[in-house]
Amino acid sequence: MLSERQQQIIETSIGLIDRLGIQGFTIKNLSKEIGISEPAIYRHFESKVEILSTILEGFRNKIIEYHREGSDRKLSAREKIETFFEMIFLVFSRNPMLISVIFAEEIFRNEPALTRKVMEIQQINEKMLGEWIGKLDLTDAMKDTRLDMITMIFFGSVRLLARKWKMNDRRFDLKKEGNQLIKTIIKIIAV
């Protein structure tokens, strides 16, 4: 469990990355933004990498919690897919700055620990989505398509919509458009 100060550091870090990009995410900028010294930051986190790892871990835990709760609910595969993505769009709607962190490959490229965390989140999501897709009655055109290709259609589309929403200063309802997007993809792939 994060302390109040650690939570403040995490939230401020996400905001800095969102506004200034990864280049602007420095301990110096972070300490100025919060109004504490750089050594005070290091009392709570060893490094920027640990801060980023904690951000990813929080997102990962939300996903795992959702999957755990979702597996207990008696929903059809279609409903599980729709409610999963509703949750993703809700999280992004409430935390738009998170999009800048989750979809920022340059942050993770040179940090193997962060790359592993991002890959783990991706694998968890792909596994669950693949299981649900496998239970759908796919259209003839999609029956021979590999599940990983279909999951890529979903996640690539979600990523594009989230980035578009953010770059357009959140001028449209992400949850509404996202839900429509997921229903459209399901309509294309399933009978």
C-alpha atoms as a PDB file:
ATOM      1  CA  MET A   1       0.000   0.000   0.000  1.00  0.00           C
ATOM      2  CA  LEU A   2       1.352   3.382  -0.986  1.00  0.00           C
ATOM      3  CA  SER A   3       1.764   6.145   1.566  1.00  0.00           C
ATOM      4  CA  GLU A   4      -0.006   9.443   0.993  1.00  0.00           C
ATOM      5  CA  ARG A   5       3.260  11.036  -0.173  1.00  0.00           C
ATOM      6  CA  GLN A   6       4.026   8.141  -2.522  1.00  0.00           C
ATOM      7  CA  GLN A   7       0.560   8.472  -4.050  1.00  0.00           C
ATOM      8  CA  GLN A   8       1.184  12.196  -4.511  1.00  0.00           C
ATOM      9  CA  ILE A   9       4.508  11.442  -6.216  1.00  0.00           C
ATOM     10  CA  ILE A  10       2.826   8.918  -8.527  1.00  0.00           C
ATOM     11  CA  GLU A  11      -0.008  11.269  -9.505  1.00  0.00           C
ATOM     12  CA  THR A  12       2.353  14.192 -10.036  1.00  0.00           C
ATOM     13  CA  SER A  13       4.673  11.993 -12.120  1.00  0.00           C
ATOM     14  CA  ILE A  14       1.810  10.969 -14.394  1.00  0.00           C
ATOM     15  CA  GLY A  15       0.899  14.636 -14.803  1.00  0.00           C
ATOM     16  CA  LEU A  16       4.469  15.600 -15.666  1.00  0.00           C
ATOM     17  CA  ILE A  17       4.763  12.852 -18.269  1.00  0.00           C
ATOM     18  CA  ASP A  18       1.443  13.911 -19.714  1.00  0.00           C
ATOM     19  CA  ARG A  19       2.449  17.584 -19.978  1.00  0.00           C
ATOM     20  CA  LEU A  20       6.187  17.427 -20.667  1.00  0.00           C
ATOM     21  CA  GLY A  21       6.761  13.959 -22.078  1.00  0.00           C
ATOM     22  CA  ILE A  22       9.284  11.516 -20.714  1.00  0.00           C
ATOM     23  CA  GLN A  23      12.087  14.035 -21.259  1.00  0.00           C
ATOM     24  CA  GLY A  24      10.414  16.408 -18.815  1.00  0.00           C
ATOM     25  CA  PHE A  25       9.938  13.701 -16.230  1.00  0.00           C
ATOM     26  CA  THR A  26      12.949  14.396 -14.051  1.00  0.00           C
ATOM     27  CA  ILE A  27      13.350  14.161 -10.304  1.00  0.00           C
ATOM     28  CA  LYS A  28      14.216  17.871 -10.342  1.00  0.00           C
ATOM     29  CA  ASN A  29      10.942  18.777 -12.114  1.00  0.00           C
ATOM     30  CA  LEU A  30       9.019  16.369  -9.914  1.00  0.00           C
ATOM     31  CA  SER A  31      10.401  17.884  -6.703  1.00  0.00           C
ATOM     32  CA  LYS A  32       9.588  21.420  -7.936  1.00  0.00           C
ATOM     33  CA  GLU A  33       6.060  20.388  -8.885  1.00  0.00           C
ATOM     34  CA  ILE A  34       5.380  18.847  -5.468  1.00  0.00           C
ATOM     35  CA  GLY A  35       7.323  21.467  -3.534  1.00  0.00           C
ATOM     36  CA  ILE A  36       9.747  19.127  -1.778  1.00  0.00           C
ATOM     37  CA  SER A  37      13.470  18.495  -2.166  1.00  0.00           C
ATOM     38  CA  GLU A  38      14.945  15.917  -4.536  1.00  0.00           C
ATOM     39  CA  PRO A  39      16.310  13.856  -1.616  1.00  0.00           C
ATOM     40  CA  ALA A  40      12.760  13.765  -0.218  1.00  0.00           C
ATOM     41  CA  ILE A  41      11.602  12.081  -3.436  1.00  0.00           C
ATOM     42  CA  TYR A  42      14.374   9.509  -3.061  1.00  0.00           C
ATOM     43  CA  ARG A  43      13.195   8.694   0.462  1.00  0.00           C
ATOM     44  CA  HIS A  44      10.003   7.360  -1.108  1.00  0.00           C
ATOM     45  CA  PHE A  45      11.287   5.911  -4.394  1.00  0.00           C
ATOM     46  CA  GLU A  46      14.782   4.801  -5.350  1.00  0.00           C
ATOM     47  CA  SER A  47      14.552   6.065  -8.916  1.00  0.00           C
ATOM     48  CA  LYS A  48      12.380   7.248 -11.795  1.00  0.00           C
ATOM     49  CA  VAL A  49      12.237   3.645 -12.933  1.00  0.00           C
ATOM     50  CA  GLU A  50      10.720   2.609  -9.606  1.00  0.00           C
ATOM     51  CA  ILE A  51       8.115   5.378  -9.927  1.00  0.00           C
ATOM     52  CA  LEU A  52       7.208   4.236 -13.446  1.00  0.00           C
ATOM     53  CA  SER A  53       7.157   0.625 -12.298  1.00  0.00           C
ATOM     54  CA  THR A  54       4.735   1.549  -9.518  1.00  0.00           C
ATOM     55  CA  ILE A  55       2.455   3.319 -12.019  1.00  0.00           C
ATOM     56  CA  LEU A  56       2.409   0.233 -14.240  1.00  0.00           C
ATOM     57  CA  GLU A  57       1.909  -2.064 -11.259  1.00  0.00           C
ATOM     58  CA  GLY A  58      -1.189  -0.086 -10.245  1.00  0.00           C
ATOM     59  CA  PHE A  59      -2.648  -0.413 -13.739  1.00  0.00           C
ATOM     60  CA  ARG A  60      -1.763  -4.128 -13.810  1.00  0.00           C
ATOM     61  CA  ASN A  61      -3.487  -4.670 -10.451  1.00  0.00           C
ATOM     62  CA  LYS A  62      -6.666  -2.968 -11.701  1.00  0.00           C
ATOM     63  CA  ILE A  63      -6.693  -5.269 -14.726  1.00  0.00           C
ATOM     64  CA  ILE A  64      -6.125  -8.405 -12.622  1.00  0.00           C
ATOM     65  CA  GLU A  65      -8.829  -7.333 -10.158  1.00  0.00           C
ATOM     66  CA  TYR A  66     -11.246  -6.789 -13.027  1.00  0.00           C
ATOM     67  CA  HIS A  67     -10.473 -10.207 -14.519  1.00  0.00           C
ATOM     68  CA  ARG A  68     -10.932 -11.862 -11.134  1.00  0.00           C
ATOM     69  CA  GLU A  69     -14.281 -10.156 -10.547  1.00  0.00           C
ATOM     70  CA  GLY A  70     -15.343 -10.719 -14.152  1.00  0.00           C
ATOM     71  CA  SER A  71     -14.682 -14.443 -14.036  1.00  0.00           C
ATOM     72  CA  ASP A  72     -17.127 -14.725 -11.130  1.00  0.00           C
ATOM     73  CA  ARG A  73     -19.899 -13.032 -13.086  1.00  0.00           C
ATOM     74  CA  LYS A  74     -22.146 -15.106 -15.311  1.00  0.00           C
ATOM     75  CA  LEU A  75     -21.863 -13.155 -18.532  1.00  0.00           C
ATOM     76  CA  SER A  76     -21.678 -14.261 -22.143  1.00  0.00           C
ATOM     77  CA  ALA A  77     -18.334 -13.929 -23.914  1.00  0.00           C
ATOM     78  CA  ARG A  78     -19.673 -10.912 -25.806  1.00  0.00           C
ATOM     79  CA  GLU A  79     -20.767  -9.241 -22.555  1.00  0.00           C
ATOM     80  CA  LYS A  80     -17.379  -9.962 -20.940  1.00  0.00           C
ATOM     81  CA  ILE A  81     -15.582  -8.308 -23.847  1.00  0.00           C
ATOM     82  CA  GLU A  82     -17.882  -5.297 -23.747  1.00  0.00           C
ATOM     83  CA  THR A  83     -17.664  -4.837 -19.966  1.00  0.00           C
ATOM     84  CA  PHE A  84     -13.881  -5.274 -19.979  1.00  0.00           C
ATOM     85  CA  PHE A  85     -13.430  -2.481 -22.487  1.00  0.00           C
ATOM     86  CA  GLU A  86     -16.035  -0.346 -20.697  1.00  0.00           C
ATOM     87  CA  MET A  87     -13.767  -0.607 -17.656  1.00  0.00           C
ATOM     88  CA  ILE A  88     -10.701   0.390 -19.711  1.00  0.00           C
ATOM     89  CA  PHE A  89     -12.499   3.425 -21.162  1.00  0.00           C
ATOM     90  CA  LEU A  90     -13.763   4.377 -17.714  1.00  0.00           C
ATOM     91  CA  VAL A  91     -10.238   4.220 -16.260  1.00  0.00           C
ATOM     92  CA  PHE A  92      -8.890   6.367 -19.113  1.00  0.00           C
ATOM     93  CA  SER A  93     -11.812   8.813 -18.833  1.00  0.00           C
ATOM     94  CA  ARG A  94     -11.124   9.284 -15.138  1.00  0.00           C
ATOM     95  CA  ASN A  95      -7.334   9.349 -15.577  1.00  0.00           C
ATOM     96  CA  PRO A  96      -6.605  10.766 -19.054  1.00  0.00           C
ATOM     97  CA  MET A  97      -2.964  11.344 -18.157  1.00  0.00           C
ATOM     98  CA  LEU A  98      -2.558   7.585 -17.769  1.00  0.00           C
ATOM     99  CA  ILE A  99      -2.840   7.250 -21.554  1.00  0.00           C
ATOM    100  CA  SER A 100       0.467   9.106 -21.891  1.00  0.00           C
ATOM    101  CA  VAL A 101       2.180   6.588 -19.635  1.00  0.00           C
ATOM    102  CA  ILE A 102       0.557   3.342 -20.767  1.00  0.00           C
ATOM    103  CA  PHE A 103       1.057   4.058 -24.474  1.00  0.00           C
ATOM    104  CA  ALA A 104       4.541   5.617 -24.280  1.00  0.00           C
ATOM    105  CA  GLU A 105       6.949   3.082 -25.743  1.00  0.00           C
ATOM    106  CA  GLU A 106       9.887   5.457 -25.465  1.00  0.00           C
ATOM    107  CA  ILE A 107       9.604   5.280 -21.683  1.00  0.00           C
ATOM    108  CA  PHE A 108      10.093   1.536 -21.644  1.00  0.00           C
ATOM    109  CA  ARG A 109      12.455   0.917 -24.554  1.00  0.00           C
ATOM    110  CA  ASN A 110      15.692   1.128 -22.548  1.00  0.00           C
ATOM    111  CA  GLU A 111      14.414  -0.265 -19.264  1.00  0.00           C
ATOM    112  CA  PRO A 112      14.037  -4.060 -19.313  1.00  0.00           C
ATOM    113  CA  ALA A 113      12.114  -4.120 -16.002  1.00  0.00           C
ATOM    114  CA  LEU A 114       9.517  -1.697 -17.361  1.00  0.00           C
ATOM    115  CA  THR A 115       9.329  -3.527 -20.677  1.00  0.00           C
ATOM    116  CA  ARG A 116       8.593  -6.757 -18.784  1.00  0.00           C
ATOM    117  CA  LYS A 117       5.794  -5.057 -16.812  1.00  0.00           C
ATOM    118  CA  VAL A 118       4.184  -3.673 -19.964  1.00  0.00           C
ATOM    119  CA  MET A 119       4.477  -7.074 -21.652  1.00  0.00           C
ATOM    120  CA  GLU A 120       2.929  -8.758 -18.606  1.00  0.00           C
ATOM    121  CA  ILE A 121      -0.070  -6.422 -18.703  1.00  0.00           C
ATOM    122  CA  GLN A 122      -0.407  -7.034 -22.426  1.00  0.00           C
ATOM    123  CA  GLN A 123      -0.205 -10.815 -22.010  1.00  0.00           C
ATOM    124  CA  ILE A 124      -2.817 -10.843 -19.230  1.00  0.00           C
ATOM    125  CA  ASN A 125      -5.196  -8.842 -21.418  1.00  0.00           C
ATOM    126  CA  GLU A 126      -4.533 -10.850 -24.566  1.00  0.00           C
ATOM    127  CA  LYS A 127      -5.031 -14.157 -22.741  1.00  0.00           C
ATOM    128  CA  MET A 128      -8.385 -13.161 -21.266  1.00  0.00           C
ATOM    129  CA  LEU A 129      -9.625 -11.503 -24.449  1.00  0.00           C
ATOM    130  CA  GLY A 130      -8.475 -14.498 -26.492  1.00  0.00           C
ATOM    131  CA  GLU A 131     -10.463 -16.851 -24.245  1.00  0.00           C
ATOM    132  CA  TRP A 132     -13.580 -14.738 -24.665  1.00  0.00           C
ATOM    133  CA  ILE A 133     -13.127 -14.407 -28.424  1.00  0.00           C
ATOM    134  CA  GLY A 134     -12.686 -18.182 -28.621  1.00  0.00           C
ATOM    135  CA  LYS A 135     -16.204 -18.553 -27.210  1.00  0.00           C
ATOM    136  CA  LEU A 136     -17.792 -16.293 -29.827  1.00  0.00           C
ATOM    137  CA  ASP A 137     -19.428 -17.674 -32.949  1.00  0.00           C
ATOM    138  CA  LEU A 138     -17.055 -16.071 -35.458  1.00  0.00           C
ATOM    139  CA  THR A 139     -18.119 -15.077 -38.953  1.00  0.00           C
ATOM    140  CA  ASP A 140     -16.954 -17.270 -41.817  1.00  0.00           C
ATOM    141  CA  ALA A 141     -14.412 -14.628 -42.817  1.00  0.00           C
ATOM    142  CA  MET A 142     -12.877 -14.662 -39.315  1.00  0.00           C
ATOM    143  CA  LYS A 143     -12.974 -18.382 -38.466  1.00  0.00           C
ATOM    144  CA  ASP A 144      -9.442 -19.033 -39.776  1.00  0.00           C
ATOM    145  CA  THR A 145      -7.966 -15.870 -38.272  1.00  0.00           C
ATOM    146  CA  ARG A 146      -5.525 -16.405 -35.405  1.00  0.00           C
ATOM    147  CA  LEU A 147      -6.799 -15.204 -32.028  1.00  0.00           C
ATOM    148  CA  ASP A 148      -3.739 -13.018 -31.516  1.00  0.00           C
ATOM    149  CA  MET A 149      -4.599 -11.157 -34.729  1.00  0.00           C
ATOM    150  CA  ILE A 150      -8.154 -10.564 -33.532  1.00  0.00           C
ATOM    151  CA  THR A 151      -6.975  -9.355 -30.128  1.00  0.00           C
ATOM    152  CA  MET A 152      -4.650  -6.955 -31.947  1.00  0.00           C
ATOM    153  CA  ILE A 153      -7.653  -5.525 -33.796  1.00  0.00           C
ATOM    154  CA  PHE A 154      -9.291  -4.753 -30.447  1.00  0.00           C
ATOM    155  CA  PHE A 155      -6.256  -3.353 -28.645  1.00  0.00           C
ATOM    156  CA  GLY A 156      -4.943  -1.404 -31.637  1.00  0.00           C
ATOM    157  CA  SER A 157      -8.343   0.193 -32.135  1.00  0.00           C
ATOM    158  CA  VAL A 158      -8.653   1.043 -28.441  1.00  0.00           C
ATOM    159  CA  ARG A 159      -5.191   2.572 -28.400  1.00  0.00           C
ATOM    160  CA  LEU A 160      -5.936   4.682 -31.479  1.00  0.00           C
ATOM    161  CA  LEU A 161      -9.253   5.915 -30.067  1.00  0.00           C
ATOM    162  CA  ALA A 162      -7.726   6.774 -26.671  1.00  0.00           C
ATOM    163  CA  ARG A 163      -4.855   8.715 -28.287  1.00  0.00           C
ATOM    164  CA  LYS A 164      -7.288  10.500 -30.624  1.00  0.00           C
ATOM    165  CA  TRP A 165      -9.469  11.477 -27.649  1.00  0.00           C
ATOM    166  CA  LYS A 166      -6.501  12.803 -25.740  1.00  0.00           C
ATOM    167  CA  MET A 167      -5.005  14.694 -28.710  1.00  0.00           C
ATOM    168  CA  ASN A 168      -8.423  16.284 -29.381  1.00  0.00           C
ATOM    169  CA  ASP A 169      -8.461  17.686 -25.845  1.00  0.00           C
ATOM    170  CA  ARG A 170     -11.082  15.110 -24.774  1.00  0.00           C
ATOM    171  CA  ARG A 171     -13.796  16.800 -26.863  1.00  0.00           C
ATOM    172  CA  PHE A 172     -15.866  13.656 -27.273  1.00  0.00           C
ATOM    173  CA  ASP A 173     -17.237  11.101 -24.841  1.00  0.00           C
ATOM    174  CA  LEU A 174     -14.552   8.395 -24.730  1.00  0.00           C
ATOM    175  CA  LYS A 175     -16.766   5.861 -22.952  1.00  0.00           C
ATOM    176  CA  LYS A 176     -19.597   6.290 -25.453  1.00  0.00           C
ATOM    177  CA  GLU A 177     -17.337   6.196 -28.523  1.00  0.00           C
ATOM    178  CA  GLY A 178     -15.308   3.349 -27.026  1.00  0.00           C
ATOM    179  CA  ASN A 179     -18.354   1.233 -26.344  1.00  0.00           C
ATOM    180  CA  GLN A 180     -19.549   1.863 -29.914  1.00  0.00           C
ATOM    181  CA  LEU A 181     -16.123   0.871 -31.234  1.00  0.00           C
ATOM    182  CA  ILE A 182     -16.120  -2.432 -29.329  1.00  0.00           C
ATOM    183  CA  LYS A 183     -19.680  -3.258 -30.424  1.00  0.00           C
ATOM    184  CA  THR A 184     -18.653  -2.525 -34.032  1.00  0.00           C
ATOM    185  CA  ILE A 185     -15.622  -4.817 -33.852  1.00  0.00           C
ATOM    186  CA  ILE A 186     -17.718  -7.588 -32.335  1.00  0.00           C
ATOM    187  CA  LYS A 187     -20.309  -7.089 -35.095  1.00  0.00           C
ATOM    188  CA  ILE A 188     -17.550  -7.493 -37.694  1.00  0.00           C
ATOM    189  CA  ILE A 189     -16.004 -10.632 -36.223  1.00  0.00           C
ATOM    190  CA  ALA A 190     -18.961 -12.508 -34.732  1.00  0.00           C
ATOM    191  CA  VAL A 191     -22.343 -13.726 -35.897  1.00  0.00           C
END
